[in-house]
C-alpha atoms as a PDB file:
ATOM      1  CA  UNK A   1      -0.019   0.164   0.079  1.00  0.00           C
ATOM      2  CA  UNK A   2       1.202   3.321  -1.102  1.00  0.00           C
ATOM      3  CA  UNK A   3       0.221   6.300   1.515  1.00  0.00           C
ATOM      4  CA  UNK A   4       0.466   9.842  -0.198  1.00  0.00           C
ATOM      5  CA  UNK A   5       1.067  12.891   2.039  1.00  0.00           C
ATOM      6  CA  UNK A   6       0.858  16.023  -0.136  1.00  0.00           C
ATOM      7  CA  UNK A   7       3.313  15.829  -3.000  1.00  0.00           C
ATOM      8  CA  UNK A   8       5.570  13.371  -1.171  1.00  0.00           C
ATOM      9  CA  UNK A   9       4.641   9.567  -1.281  1.00  0.00           C
ATOM     10  CA  UNK A  10       5.496   7.282   1.850  1.00  0.00           C
ATOM     11  CA  UNK A  11       6.679   3.953   0.647  1.00  0.00           C
ATOM     12  CA  UNK A  12       7.532   2.752   3.823  1.00  0.00           C
ATOM     13  CA  UNK A  13       4.421   0.114   4.388  1.00  0.00           C
ATOM     14  CA  UNK A  14       4.614  -1.329   0.820  1.00  0.00           C
ATOM     15  CA  UNK A  15       8.839  -1.723   1.333  1.00  0.00           C
ATOM     16  CA  UNK A  16       8.144  -3.848   4.486  1.00  0.00           C
ATOM     17  CA  UNK A  17       5.933  -6.343   2.574  1.00  0.00           C
ATOM     18  CA  UNK A  18       8.500  -6.518  -0.382  1.00  0.00           C
ATOM     19  CA  UNK A  19      11.092  -7.352   2.365  1.00  0.00           C
ATOM     20  CA  UNK A  20       9.005  -9.863   3.914  1.00  0.00           C
ATOM     21  CA  UNK A  21       8.971 -11.836   0.290  1.00  0.00           C
ATOM     22  CA  UNK A  22      12.829 -11.893   0.238  1.00  0.00           C
ATOM     23  CA  UNK A  23      13.359 -15.118   2.639  1.00  0.00           C
ATOM     24  CA  UNK A  24      17.208 -15.086   2.116  1.00  0.00           C
ATOM     25  CA  UNK A  25      17.564 -11.734   4.042  1.00  0.00           C
ATOM     26  CA  UNK A  26      17.257 -11.580   7.682  1.00  0.00           C
ATOM     27  CA  UNK A  27      16.960  -7.990   8.283  1.00  0.00           C
ATOM     28  CA  UNK A  28      15.217  -6.748  11.019  1.00  0.00           C
ATOM     29  CA  UNK A  29      12.242  -4.645  10.637  1.00  0.00           C
ATOM     30  CA  UNK A  30      12.807  -0.842  11.202  1.00  0.00           C
ATOM     31  CA  UNK A  31      11.963   0.480  14.847  1.00  0.00           C
ATOM     32  CA  UNK A  32       8.960   2.749  14.787  1.00  0.00           C
ATOM     33  CA  UNK A  33      11.227   5.855  15.255  1.00  0.00           C
ATOM     34  CA  UNK A  34      13.472   5.002  12.200  1.00  0.00           C
ATOM     35  CA  UNK A  35      12.971   6.823   8.897  1.00  0.00           C
ATOM     36  CA  UNK A  36      12.179   4.865   6.022  1.00  0.00           C
ATOM     37  CA  UNK A  37      15.358   6.413   4.306  1.00  0.00           C
ATOM     38  CA  UNK A  38      17.472   5.179   7.019  1.00  0.00           C
ATOM     39  CA  UNK A  39      15.786   1.426   7.032  1.00  0.00           C
ATOM     40  CA  UNK A  40      16.595   1.303   3.460  1.00  0.00           C
ATOM     41  CA  UNK A  41      20.023   2.279   3.338  1.00  0.00           C
ATOM     42  CA  UNK A  42      20.586  -0.305   6.118  1.00  0.00           C
ATOM     43  CA  UNK A  43      18.518  -2.773   4.251  1.00  0.00           C
ATOM     44  CA  UNK A  44      20.666  -1.986   0.864  1.00  0.00           C
ATOM     45  CA  UNK A  45      24.225  -2.314   2.877  1.00  0.00           C
ATOM     46  CA  UNK A  46      23.286  -5.679   3.980  1.00  0.00           C
ATOM     47  CA  UNK A  47      22.899  -6.548   0.329  1.00  0.00           C
ATOM     48  CA  UNK A  48      26.398  -7.537  -1.427  1.00  0.00           C
ATOM     49  CA  UNK A  49      27.099  -5.280  -4.755  1.00  0.00           C
ATOM     50  CA  UNK A  50      26.782  -8.284  -6.778  1.00  0.00           C
ATOM     51  CA  UNK A  51      23.046  -9.065  -5.801  1.00  0.00           C
ATOM     52  CA  UNK A  52      22.220  -4.957  -5.936  1.00  0.00           C
ATOM     53  CA  UNK A  53      20.378  -5.294  -9.259  1.00  0.00           C
ATOM     54  CA  UNK A  54      18.846  -8.433  -8.359  1.00  0.00           C
ATOM     55  CA  UNK A  55      15.089  -9.155  -8.484  1.00  0.00           C
ATOM     56  CA  UNK A  56      14.717  -9.145  -4.906  1.00  0.00           C
ATOM     57  CA  UNK A  57      16.654  -5.448  -4.493  1.00  0.00           C
ATOM     58  CA  UNK A  58      14.446  -4.265  -7.016  1.00  0.00           C
ATOM     59  CA  UNK A  59      11.346  -5.609  -5.396  1.00  0.00           C
ATOM     60  CA  UNK A  60      12.075  -3.544  -2.682  1.00  0.00           C
ATOM     61  CA  UNK A  61      12.582  -0.306  -4.392  1.00  0.00           C
ATOM     62  CA  UNK A  62       9.707  -0.947  -6.427  1.00  0.00           C
ATOM     63  CA  UNK A  63       7.583   1.248  -4.230  1.00  0.00           C
ATOM     64  CA  UNK A  64       9.488   4.262  -4.765  1.00  0.00           C
ATOM     65  CA  UNK A  65       9.479   4.265  -8.722  1.00  0.00           C
ATOM     66  CA  UNK A  66       5.842   3.353  -8.490  1.00  0.00           C
ATOM     67  CA  UNK A  67       5.740   6.978  -6.419  1.00  0.00           C
ATOM     68  CA  UNK A  68       6.196   8.831  -9.800  1.00  0.00           C
ATOM     69  CA  UNK A  69       5.128   6.130 -12.327  1.00  0.00           C
ATOM     70  CA  UNK A  70       2.433   8.959 -13.354  1.00  0.00           C
ATOM     71  CA  UNK A  71       5.358  11.155 -13.979  1.00  0.00           C
ATOM     72  CA  UNK A  72       7.636   9.077 -16.561  1.00  0.00           C
ATOM     73  CA  UNK A  73       6.972   8.420 -20.011  1.00  0.00           C
ATOM     74  CA  UNK A  74       8.616   6.668 -23.241  1.00  0.00           C
ATOM     75  CA  UNK A  75      10.085   8.716 -25.817  1.00  0.00           C
ATOM     76  CA  UNK A  76       9.854   7.202 -29.071  1.00  0.00           C
ATOM     77  CA  UNK A  77      11.553   8.689 -32.655  1.00  0.00           C
ATOM     78  CA  UNK A  78      11.091   7.216 -35.693  1.00  0.00           C
ATOM     79  CA  UNK A  79       9.468   4.471 -34.205  1.00  0.00           C
ATOM     80  CA  UNK A  80      12.290   3.320 -32.410  1.00  0.00           C
ATOM     81  CA  UNK A  81      12.618   3.682 -28.340  1.00  0.00           C
ATOM     82  CA  UNK A  82      14.946   6.651 -27.838  1.00  0.00           C
ATOM     83  CA  UNK A  83      14.683   7.782 -23.948  1.00  0.00           C
ATOM     84  CA  UNK A  84      12.464   8.277 -21.008  1.00  0.00           C
ATOM     85  CA  UNK A  85      11.003  11.564 -20.371  1.00  0.00           C
ATOM     86  CA  UNK A  86       9.955  13.209 -16.985  1.00  0.00           C
ATOM     87  CA  UNK A  87       6.905  15.269 -16.816  1.00  0.00           C
ATOM     88  CA  UNK A  88       7.531  18.786 -15.749  1.00  0.00           C
ATOM     89  CA  UNK A  89       3.883  20.335 -16.444  1.00  0.00           C
ATOM     90  CA  UNK A  90       0.204  19.352 -15.963  1.00  0.00           C
ATOM     91  CA  UNK A  91      -0.663  20.643 -19.593  1.00  0.00           C
ATOM     92  CA  UNK A  92       2.028  18.266 -21.018  1.00  0.00           C
ATOM     93  CA  UNK A  93       5.355  19.054 -20.980  1.00  0.00           C
ATOM     94  CA  UNK A  94       8.172  16.724 -20.508  1.00  0.00           C
ATOM     95  CA  UNK A  95      11.783  17.135 -20.536  1.00  0.00           C
ATOM     96  CA  UNK A  96      14.169  14.500 -21.857  1.00  0.00           C
ATOM     97  CA  UNK A  97      17.763  13.990 -23.318  1.00  0.00           C
ATOM     98  CA  UNK A  98      17.913  16.037 -26.516  1.00  0.00           C
ATOM     99  CA  UNK A  99      20.951  14.131 -28.477  1.00  0.00           C
ATOM    100  CA  UNK A 100      18.887  11.029 -28.584  1.00  0.00           C
ATOM    101  CA  UNK A 101      15.840  12.610 -30.589  1.00  0.00           C
ATOM    102  CA  UNK A 102      17.611  11.698 -34.103  1.00  0.00           C
ATOM    103  CA  UNK A 103      14.615  11.315 -36.366  1.00  0.00           C
ATOM    104  CA  UNK A 104      11.068  11.936 -36.733  1.00  0.00           C
ATOM    105  CA  UNK A 105       8.096  11.642 -35.873  1.00  0.00           C
ATOM    106  CA  UNK A 106       8.231  12.169 -32.157  1.00  0.00           C
ATOM    107  CA  UNK A 107       5.860  10.073 -30.134  1.00  0.00           C
ATOM    108  CA  UNK A 108       5.373   9.581 -26.481  1.00  0.00           C
ATOM    109  CA  UNK A 109       4.164   6.517 -24.584  1.00  0.00           C
ATOM    110  CA  UNK A 110       2.078   7.844 -21.358  1.00  0.00           C
ATOM    111  CA  UNK A 111       1.695   6.205 -18.331  1.00  0.00           C
ATOM    112  CA  UNK A 112      -1.588   4.716 -19.133  1.00  0.00           C
ATOM    113  CA  UNK A 113       0.039   3.125 -22.079  1.00  0.00           C
ATOM    114  CA  UNK A 114      -1.438   5.413 -24.864  1.00  0.00           C
ATOM    115  CA  UNK A 115       0.948   6.618 -27.361  1.00  0.00           C
ATOM    116  CA  UNK A 116       0.468  10.274 -28.573  1.00  0.00           C
ATOM    117  CA  UNK A 117       2.517  13.092 -30.800  1.00  0.00           C
ATOM    118  CA  UNK A 118       4.809  15.493 -29.187  1.00  0.00           C
ATOM    119  CA  UNK A 119       7.026  18.119 -30.576  1.00  0.00           C
ATOM    120  CA  UNK A 120      10.121  20.011 -29.225  1.00  0.00           C
ATOM    121  CA  UNK A 121       9.165  23.255 -27.506  1.00  0.00           C
ATOM    122  CA  UNK A 122      12.735  24.108 -26.524  1.00  0.00           C
ATOM    123  CA  UNK A 123      16.292  23.064 -26.192  1.00  0.00           C
ATOM    124  CA  UNK A 124      19.155  23.766 -23.924  1.00  0.00           C
ATOM    125  CA  UNK A 125      22.530  22.585 -25.988  1.00  0.00           C
ATOM    126  CA  UNK A 126      24.872  23.080 -22.903  1.00  0.00           C
ATOM    127  CA  UNK A 127      22.909  20.360 -20.477  1.00  0.00           C
ATOM    128  CA  UNK A 128      21.688  18.351 -23.578  1.00  0.00           C
ATOM    129  CA  UNK A 129      17.825  19.065 -22.177  1.00  0.00           C
ATOM    130  CA  UNK A 130      14.824  19.354 -24.984  1.00  0.00           C
ATOM    131  CA  UNK A 131      11.445  20.399 -23.367  1.00  0.00           C
ATOM    132  CA  UNK A 132       8.789  18.080 -25.411  1.00  0.00           C
ATOM    133  CA  UNK A 133       5.044  19.169 -25.743  1.00  0.00           C
ATOM    134  CA  UNK A 134       2.354  16.353 -25.762  1.00  0.00           C
ATOM    135  CA  UNK A 135      -0.082  17.254 -28.413  1.00  0.00           C
ATOM    136  CA  UNK A 136      -3.617  16.999 -27.150  1.00  0.00           C
ATOM    137  CA  UNK A 137      -5.845  17.320 -24.049  1.00  0.00           C
ATOM    138  CA  UNK A 138      -3.420  16.310 -20.967  1.00  0.00           C
ATOM    139  CA  UNK A 139      -6.262  16.348 -18.704  1.00  0.00           C
ATOM    140  CA  UNK A 140      -7.306  13.015 -20.235  1.00  0.00           C
ATOM    141  CA  UNK A 141      -3.846  11.373 -19.232  1.00  0.00           C
ATOM    142  CA  UNK A 142      -3.761  11.171 -15.773  1.00  0.00           C
ATOM    143  CA  UNK A 143       0.083  12.566 -15.643  1.00  0.00           C
ATOM    144  CA  UNK A 144       1.534  14.366 -12.866  1.00  0.00           C
ATOM    145  CA  UNK A 145       4.851  16.532 -12.940  1.00  0.00           C
ATOM    146  CA  UNK A 146       7.475  15.688 -10.826  1.00  0.00           C
ATOM    147  CA  UNK A 147       8.202  17.917  -7.720  1.00  0.00           C
ATOM    148  CA  UNK A 148      11.153  20.176  -8.934  1.00  0.00           C
ATOM    149  CA  UNK A 149      11.976  21.637  -5.166  1.00  0.00           C
ATOM    150  CA  UNK A 150      14.263  18.449  -4.574  1.00  0.00           C
ATOM    151  CA  UNK A 151      17.348  17.845  -2.466  1.00  0.00           C
ATOM    152  CA  UNK A 152      20.762  17.459  -3.261  1.00  0.00           C
ATOM    153  CA  UNK A 153      22.305  13.813  -3.628  1.00  0.00           C
ATOM    154  CA  UNK A 154      24.699  13.090  -0.925  1.00  0.00           C
ATOM    155  CA  UNK A 155      27.848  11.458  -1.525  1.00  0.00           C
ATOM    156  CA  UNK A 156      27.333   7.782  -1.153  1.00  0.00           C
ATOM    157  CA  UNK A 157      23.514   7.779  -0.707  1.00  0.00           C
ATOM    158  CA  UNK A 158      21.422   5.330  -2.935  1.00  0.00           C
ATOM    159  CA  UNK A 159      19.825   6.447  -5.947  1.00  0.00           C
ATOM    160  CA  UNK A 160      16.622   4.820  -7.687  1.00  0.00           C
ATOM    161  CA  UNK A 161      15.927   5.401 -11.117  1.00  0.00           C
ATOM    162  CA  UNK A 162      12.259   4.621 -12.172  1.00  0.00           C
ATOM    163  CA  UNK A 163      11.201   3.812 -15.533  1.00  0.00           C
ATOM    164  CA  UNK A 164       7.602   3.829 -17.375  1.00  0.00           C
ATOM    165  CA  UNK A 165       4.758   2.034 -15.070  1.00  0.00           C
ATOM    166  CA  UNK A 166       6.376   1.892 -11.720  1.00  0.00           C
ATOM    167  CA  UNK A 167       9.125  -0.209 -13.257  1.00  0.00           C
ATOM    168  CA  UNK A 168      12.713   0.214 -11.985  1.00  0.00           C
ATOM    169  CA  UNK A 169      15.355   0.865 -14.296  1.00  0.00           C
ATOM    170  CA  UNK A 170      18.161   0.605 -11.877  1.00  0.00           C
ATOM    171  CA  UNK A 171      19.779   1.041  -8.396  1.00  0.00           C
ATOM    172  CA  UNK A 172      23.022   2.759  -7.651  1.00  0.00           C
ATOM    173  CA  UNK A 173      25.073   4.632  -5.408  1.00  0.00           C
ATOM    174  CA  UNK A 174      26.430   8.353  -5.638  1.00  0.00           C
ATOM    175  CA  UNK A 175      30.257   8.018  -6.460  1.00  0.00           C
ATOM    176  CA  UNK A 176      31.265  12.151  -6.246  1.00  0.00           C
ATOM    177  CA  UNK A 177      30.129  15.451  -5.850  1.00  0.00           C
ATOM    178  CA  UNK A 178      28.210  17.532  -8.397  1.00  0.00           C
ATOM    179  CA  UNK A 179      31.222  18.322 -10.632  1.00  0.00           C
ATOM    180  CA  UNK A 180      31.282  20.278 -14.263  1.00  0.00           C
ATOM    181  CA  UNK A 181      31.944  17.726 -17.354  1.00  0.00           C
ATOM    182  CA  UNK A 182      33.647  20.008 -20.134  1.00  0.00           C
ATOM    183  CA  UNK A 183      32.501  18.081 -23.700  1.00  0.00           C
ATOM    184  CA  UNK A 184      35.224  16.933 -26.135  1.00  0.00           C
ATOM    185  CA  UNK A 185      33.141  16.876 -29.172  1.00  0.00           C
ATOM    186  CA  UNK A 186      35.523  15.856 -32.207  1.00  0.00           C
ATOM    187  CA  UNK A 187      34.637  15.151 -35.710  1.00  0.00           C
ATOM    188  CA  UNK A 188      37.622  12.634 -35.814  1.00  0.00           C
ATOM    189  CA  UNK A 189      40.035  14.122 -38.178  1.00  0.00           C
ATOM    190  CA  UNK A 190      43.604  15.443 -38.506  1.00  0.00           C
ATOM    191  CA  UNK A 191      44.502  18.470 -40.418  1.00  0.00           C
ATOM    192  CA  UNK A 192      47.609  19.609 -42.206  1.00  0.00           C
ATOM    193  CA  UNK A 193      48.982  22.964 -40.597  1.00  0.00           C
ATOM    194  CA  UNK A 194      47.622  25.653 -43.498  1.00  0.00           C
ATOM    195  CA  UNK A 195      47.260  28.970 -42.100  1.00  0.00           C
ATOM    196  CA  UNK A 196      45.482  30.261 -45.317  1.00  0.00           C
ATOM    197  CA  UNK A 197      43.124  28.771 -47.368  1.00  0.00           C
ATOM    198  CA  UNK A 198      40.927  25.474 -47.005  1.00  0.00           C
ATOM    199  CA  UNK A 199      41.849  23.229 -44.329  1.00  0.00           C
ATOM    200  CA  UNK A 200      43.198  20.020 -45.523  1.00  0.00           C
ATOM    201  CA  UNK A 201      42.159  16.646 -44.441  1.00  0.00           C
ATOM    202  CA  UNK A 202      45.512  14.609 -43.184  1.00  0.00           C
ATOM    203  CA  UNK A 203      43.743  11.547 -41.788  1.00  0.00           C
ATOM    204  CA  UNK A 204      40.372  10.410 -40.547  1.00  0.00           C
ATOM    205  CA  UNK A 205      40.022   8.354 -37.261  1.00  0.00           C
ATOM    206  CA  UNK A 206      38.121   4.824 -38.062  1.00  0.00           C
ATOM    207  CA  UNK A 207      34.633   4.798 -36.545  1.00  0.00           C
ATOM    208  CA  UNK A 208      34.250   8.568 -36.433  1.00  0.00           C
ATOM    209  CA  UNK A 209      31.623  10.700 -37.560  1.00  0.00           C
ATOM    210  CA  UNK A 210      34.152  12.026 -40.168  1.00  0.00           C
ATOM    211  CA  UNK A 211      34.535   8.299 -41.188  1.00  0.00           C
ATOM    212  CA  UNK A 212      31.117   7.295 -41.700  1.00  0.00           C
ATOM    213  CA  UNK A 213      30.301  10.440 -43.809  1.00  0.00           C
ATOM    214  CA  UNK A 214      32.765   9.413 -46.000  1.00  0.00           C
ATOM    215  CA  UNK A 215      35.823  12.113 -45.673  1.00  0.00           C
ATOM    216  CA  UNK A 216      38.981  11.209 -46.997  1.00  0.00           C
ATOM    217  CA  UNK A 217      42.378  12.431 -46.895  1.00  0.00           C
ATOM    218  CA  UNK A 218      43.470  15.310 -48.676  1.00  0.00           C
ATOM    219  CA  UNK A 219      39.838  16.617 -49.034  1.00  0.00           C
ATOM    220  CA  UNK A 220      39.588  20.324 -48.309  1.00  0.00           C
ATOM    221  CA  UNK A 221      37.013  21.719 -46.302  1.00  0.00           C
ATOM    222  CA  UNK A 222      35.667  24.788 -47.380  1.00  0.00           C
ATOM    223  CA  UNK A 223      32.626  25.628 -45.342  1.00  0.00           C
ATOM    224  CA  UNK A 224      31.345  24.322 -41.730  1.00  0.00           C
ATOM    225  CA  UNK A 225      27.819  24.903 -41.316  1.00  0.00           C
ATOM    226  CA  UNK A 226      27.790  27.468 -44.327  1.00  0.00           C
ATOM    227  CA  UNK A 227      30.592  29.748 -42.829  1.00  0.00           C
ATOM    228  CA  UNK A 228      33.684  29.742 -44.616  1.00  0.00           C
ATOM    229  CA  UNK A 229      37.046  28.256 -43.451  1.00  0.00           C
ATOM    230  CA  UNK A 230      40.480  30.090 -43.528  1.00  0.00           C
ATOM    231  CA  UNK A 231      43.110  27.281 -42.467  1.00  0.00           C
ATOM    232  CA  UNK A 232      43.463  24.762 -40.046  1.00  0.00           C
ATOM    233  CA  UNK A 233      42.938  26.714 -37.239  1.00  0.00           C
ATOM    234  CA  UNK A 234      39.880  28.104 -37.863  1.00  0.00           C
ATOM    235  CA  UNK A 235      38.601  24.965 -38.754  1.00  0.00           C
ATOM    236  CA  UNK A 236      39.594  23.552 -35.388  1.00  0.00           C
ATOM    237  CA  UNK A 237      38.245  26.249 -33.052  1.00  0.00           C
ATOM    238  CA  UNK A 238      34.779  26.242 -34.929  1.00  0.00           C
ATOM    239  CA  UNK A 239      34.478  22.229 -34.719  1.00  0.00           C
ATOM    240  CA  UNK A 240      35.140  22.413 -30.975  1.00  0.00           C
ATOM    241  CA  UNK A 241      32.327  24.584 -30.351  1.00  0.00           C
ATOM    242  CA  UNK A 242      29.890  21.719 -31.424  1.00  0.00           C
ATOM    243  CA  UNK A 243      28.811  19.147 -28.833  1.00  0.00           C
ATOM    244  CA  UNK A 244      29.134  15.260 -29.374  1.00  0.00           C
ATOM    245  CA  UNK A 245      25.938  13.665 -31.066  1.00  0.00           C
ATOM    246  CA  UNK A 246      25.531  17.216 -32.994  1.00  0.00           C
ATOM    247  CA  UNK A 247      25.874  16.947 -36.907  1.00  0.00           C
ATOM    248  CA  UNK A 248      27.759  19.214 -38.847  1.00  0.00           C
ATOM    249  CA  UNK A 249      27.126  20.039 -42.306  1.00  0.00           C
ATOM    250  CA  UNK A 250      30.624  19.878 -44.308  1.00  0.00           C
ATOM    251  CA  UNK A 251      31.446  21.714 -47.715  1.00  0.00           C
ATOM    252  CA  UNK A 252      34.428  20.175 -49.156  1.00  0.00           C
ATOM    253  CA  UNK A 253      36.414  19.988 -52.407  1.00  0.00           C
ATOM    254  CA  UNK A 254      37.462  16.804 -53.450  1.00  0.00           C
ATOM    255  CA  UNK A 255      39.715  17.220 -56.460  1.00  0.00           C
ATOM    256  CA  UNK A 256      37.694  19.312 -58.830  1.00  0.00           C
ATOM    257  CA  UNK A 257      34.051  18.102 -57.248  1.00  0.00           C
ATOM    258  CA  UNK A 258      32.611  20.063 -54.509  1.00  0.00           C
ATOM    259  CA  UNK A 259      30.553  18.026 -52.153  1.00  0.00           C
ATOM    260  CA  UNK A 260      28.509  18.225 -49.218  1.00  0.00           C
ATOM    261  CA  UNK A 261      28.346  15.945 -46.385  1.00  0.00           C
ATOM    262  CA  UNK A 262      26.754  15.397 -42.968  1.00  0.00           C
ATOM    263  CA  UNK A 263      28.994  14.219 -40.219  1.00  0.00           C
ATOM    264  CA  UNK A 264      27.927  13.469 -36.326  1.00  0.00           C
ATOM    265  CA  UNK A 265      30.554  14.840 -34.187  1.00  0.00           C
ATOM    266  CA  UNK A 266      31.633  12.098 -31.718  1.00  0.00           C
ATOM    267  CA  UNK A 267      33.093  11.921 -28.024  1.00  0.00           C
ATOM    268  CA  UNK A 268      36.896  11.993 -28.235  1.00  0.00           C
ATOM    269  CA  UNK A 269      37.207   9.244 -25.417  1.00  0.00           C
ATOM    270  CA  UNK A 270      35.087   7.067 -27.632  1.00  0.00           C
ATOM    271  CA  UNK A 271      37.535   7.671 -30.390  1.00  0.00           C
ATOM    272  CA  UNK A 272      40.383   7.048 -28.156  1.00  0.00           C
ATOM    273  CA  UNK A 273      39.079   3.600 -26.663  1.00  0.00           C
ATOM    274  CA  UNK A 274      40.500   0.142 -27.938  1.00  0.00           C
ATOM    275  CA  UNK A 275      37.776  -2.276 -28.941  1.00  0.00           C
ATOM    276  CA  UNK A 276      38.540  -4.380 -25.693  1.00  0.00           C
ATOM    277  CA  UNK A 277      37.582  -0.857 -23.790  1.00  0.00           C
ATOM    278  CA  UNK A 278      34.608  -0.782 -26.067  1.00  0.00           C
ATOM    279  CA  UNK A 279      33.507  -3.923 -25.161  1.00  0.00           C
ATOM    280  CA  UNK A 280      33.793  -3.692 -20.933  1.00  0.00           C
ATOM    281  CA  UNK A 281      32.363  -0.119 -21.270  1.00  0.00           C
ATOM    282  CA  UNK A 282      29.140  -1.158 -22.943  1.00  0.00           C
ATOM    283  CA  UNK A 283      26.630   0.736 -24.990  1.00  0.00           C
ATOM    284  CA  UNK A 284      26.733   4.353 -24.214  1.00  0.00           C
ATOM    285  CA  UNK A 285      25.366   7.328 -25.252  1.00  0.00           C
ATOM    286  CA  UNK A 286      26.674   9.377 -28.377  1.00  0.00           C
ATOM    287  CA  UNK A 287      26.972  12.270 -25.870  1.00  0.00           C
ATOM    288  CA  UNK A 288      28.264  11.496 -22.454  1.00  0.00           C
ATOM    289  CA  UNK A 289      30.138  14.794 -21.906  1.00  0.00           C
ATOM    290  CA  UNK A 290      29.654  18.690 -21.552  1.00  0.00           C
ATOM    291  CA  UNK A 291      27.398  19.517 -18.860  1.00  0.00           C
ATOM    292  CA  UNK A 292      27.412  22.367 -16.232  1.00  0.00           C
ATOM    293  CA  UNK A 293      26.794  19.972 -13.646  1.00  0.00           C
ATOM    294  CA  UNK A 294      26.444  16.392 -12.934  1.00  0.00           C
ATOM    295  CA  UNK A 295      26.100  13.633 -10.175  1.00  0.00           C
ATOM    296  CA  UNK A 296      28.057  10.435 -10.989  1.00  0.00           C
ATOM    297  CA  UNK A 297      26.563   7.315 -10.020  1.00  0.00           C
ATOM    298  CA  UNK A 298      27.079   3.802 -10.581  1.00  0.00           C
ATOM    299  CA  UNK A 299      23.592   2.693 -11.658  1.00  0.00           C
ATOM    300  CA  UNK A 300      23.805   0.753 -14.846  1.00  0.00           C
ATOM    301  CA  UNK A 301      21.737   2.131 -17.794  1.00  0.00           C
ATOM    302  CA  UNK A 302      20.764   1.586 -21.449  1.00  0.00           C
ATOM    303  CA  UNK A 303      21.524   4.983 -23.382  1.00  0.00           C
ATOM    304  CA  UNK A 304      17.836   5.320 -24.027  1.00  0.00           C
ATOM    305  CA  UNK A 305      17.061   4.960 -20.338  1.00  0.00           C
ATOM    306  CA  UNK A 306      18.208   8.612 -19.691  1.00  0.00           C
ATOM    307  CA  UNK A 307      16.000  11.321 -19.693  1.00  0.00           C
ATOM    308  CA  UNK A 308      14.088   9.769 -16.619  1.00  0.00           C
ATOM    309  CA  UNK A 309      13.954  11.112 -13.079  1.00  0.00           C
ATOM    310  CA  UNK A 310      16.600   9.925 -10.194  1.00  0.00           C
ATOM    311  CA  UNK A 311      15.001   9.262  -6.503  1.00  0.00           C
ATOM    312  CA  UNK A 312      16.972   9.200  -3.102  1.00  0.00           C
ATOM    313  CA  UNK A 313      16.147   6.421  -0.777  1.00  0.00           C
ATOM    314  CA  UNK A 314      13.496   8.959   0.115  1.00  0.00           C
ATOM    315  CA  UNK A 315      11.551   9.332  -2.821  1.00  0.00           C
ATOM    316  CA  UNK A 316      12.845  12.642  -3.502  1.00  0.00           C
ATOM    317  CA  UNK A 317      13.578  13.766  -6.605  1.00  0.00           C
ATOM    318  CA  UNK A 318      17.632  14.694  -6.940  1.00  0.00           C
ATOM    319  CA  UNK A 319      18.147  14.991 -10.701  1.00  0.00           C
ATOM    320  CA  UNK A 320      17.467  13.513 -14.357  1.00  0.00           C
ATOM    321  CA  UNK A 321      19.444  10.707 -15.999  1.00  0.00           C
ATOM    322  CA  UNK A 322      21.491  12.421 -19.097  1.00  0.00           C
ATOM    323  CA  UNK A 323      24.278   9.937 -19.529  1.00  0.00           C
ATOM    324  CA  UNK A 324      25.607   6.446 -19.457  1.00  0.00           C
ATOM    325  CA  UNK A 325      29.202   7.403 -19.638  1.00  0.00           C
ATOM    326  CA  UNK A 326      30.918   3.954 -18.925  1.00  0.00           C
ATOM    327  CA  UNK A 327      30.771   0.530 -17.316  1.00  0.00           C
ATOM    328  CA  UNK A 328      29.976   1.752 -13.823  1.00  0.00           C
ATOM    329  CA  UNK A 329      29.458   5.249 -14.691  1.00  0.00           C
ATOM    330  CA  UNK A 330      26.497   6.858 -15.188  1.00  0.00           C
ATOM    331  CA  UNK A 331      25.488  10.923 -14.908  1.00  0.00           C
ATOM    332  CA  UNK A 332      22.382  12.655 -13.786  1.00  0.00           C
ATOM    333  CA  UNK A 333      21.669  16.496 -13.898  1.00  0.00           C
ATOM    334  CA  UNK A 334      21.143  17.949 -10.176  1.00  0.00           C
ATOM    335  CA  UNK A 335      17.493  18.867  -9.707  1.00  0.00           C
ATOM    336  CA  UNK A 336      18.563  22.415  -8.873  1.00  0.00           C
ATOM    337  CA  UNK A 337      19.921  22.657 -12.416  1.00  0.00           C
ATOM    338  CA  UNK A 338      17.043  20.960 -14.012  1.00  0.00           C
ATOM    339  CA  UNK A 339      14.658  22.866 -12.280  1.00  0.00           C
ATOM    340  CA  UNK A 340      16.324  26.354 -13.744  1.00  0.00           C
ATOM    341  CA  UNK A 341      16.171  24.976 -17.063  1.00  0.00           C
ATOM    342  CA  UNK A 342      12.551  23.739 -16.966  1.00  0.00           C
ATOM    343  CA  UNK A 343      11.449  27.339 -15.770  1.00  0.00           C
ATOM    344  CA  UNK A 344      13.463  29.242 -18.698  1.00  0.00           C
ATOM    345  CA  UNK A 345      12.322  26.511 -21.574  1.00  0.00           C
ATOM    346  CA  UNK A 346       8.560  26.598 -20.383  1.00  0.00           C
ATOM    347  CA  UNK A 347       8.400  30.520 -20.675  1.00  0.00           C
ATOM    348  CA  UNK A 348      10.384  30.110 -24.052  1.00  0.00           C
ATOM    349  CA  UNK A 349       7.611  27.351 -25.459  1.00  0.00           C
ATOM    350  CA  UNK A 350       4.492  28.929 -24.340  1.00  0.00           C
ATOM    351  CA  UNK A 351       5.283  32.368 -25.828  1.00  0.00           C
END
């Protein structure tokens, strides 16, 4: 049973029921004066790291995920699952991960299972956020915005990442205090040193955006996104302004032919890792750097599970998952940052 008190959901009773179902755990019930947060923290500590993502543990934290089940949606682009989304306004606004919105049409699967169209209302490149407006009458969908007056995540504290319909995506621990992560967007080319004239390609990194676009050695880059390039330094500085996952339009000269190519910027870490590193780290987001502030935690996420809320062990919103960055490294934007971005994005979209 879940009992609501104001905007906060107490999941203690349901958690106790879930715990009783786990016969292998001999964890005592919390004393009356003990908070749900303290008890859950203690219960989790009794479980080994290897079993942290077990079915038993997921059942234990499910009441927390269920407390926001009306606030989490699934976002589709061109028919594929792109990300999760978090409801931030009752009239049908959802925040999600911008760089995963790679194609049209955009649709959203609501908590009730209905699938409806959505459009982009505003974006914030600096933190890879997109505000979606769900088309239609939001009063019929039973959605509920999250409480953005959340709390800071404590280092060493436990986090729960809910999915749609009360499902728990993962459970992790805060590994470091919130910090800035500078972006490492790279096209994946080396240039000859040409102080004037077009920037000439000296080499192309395999599995880079430049490689996938068909860029070749000795191609001359005349323009980047329509802006004329004079020298390799100008090209390098222009490309450094672009984030991983963004698509750049290149106007090039190849022999006597002028061509236009679209290439996706890559993250430098992805370009430098070995095949073994890639296998160990597993699937990650194209954009895993370039954020004003992130909470680092070790929840194992799939790239299309970013965009959803992150809760502490009391059920408070502490952030929004924004990137799967490594084998045991995920990033979430802190709730204070998200709240500020949402206010300005809603104002922009509603104008």
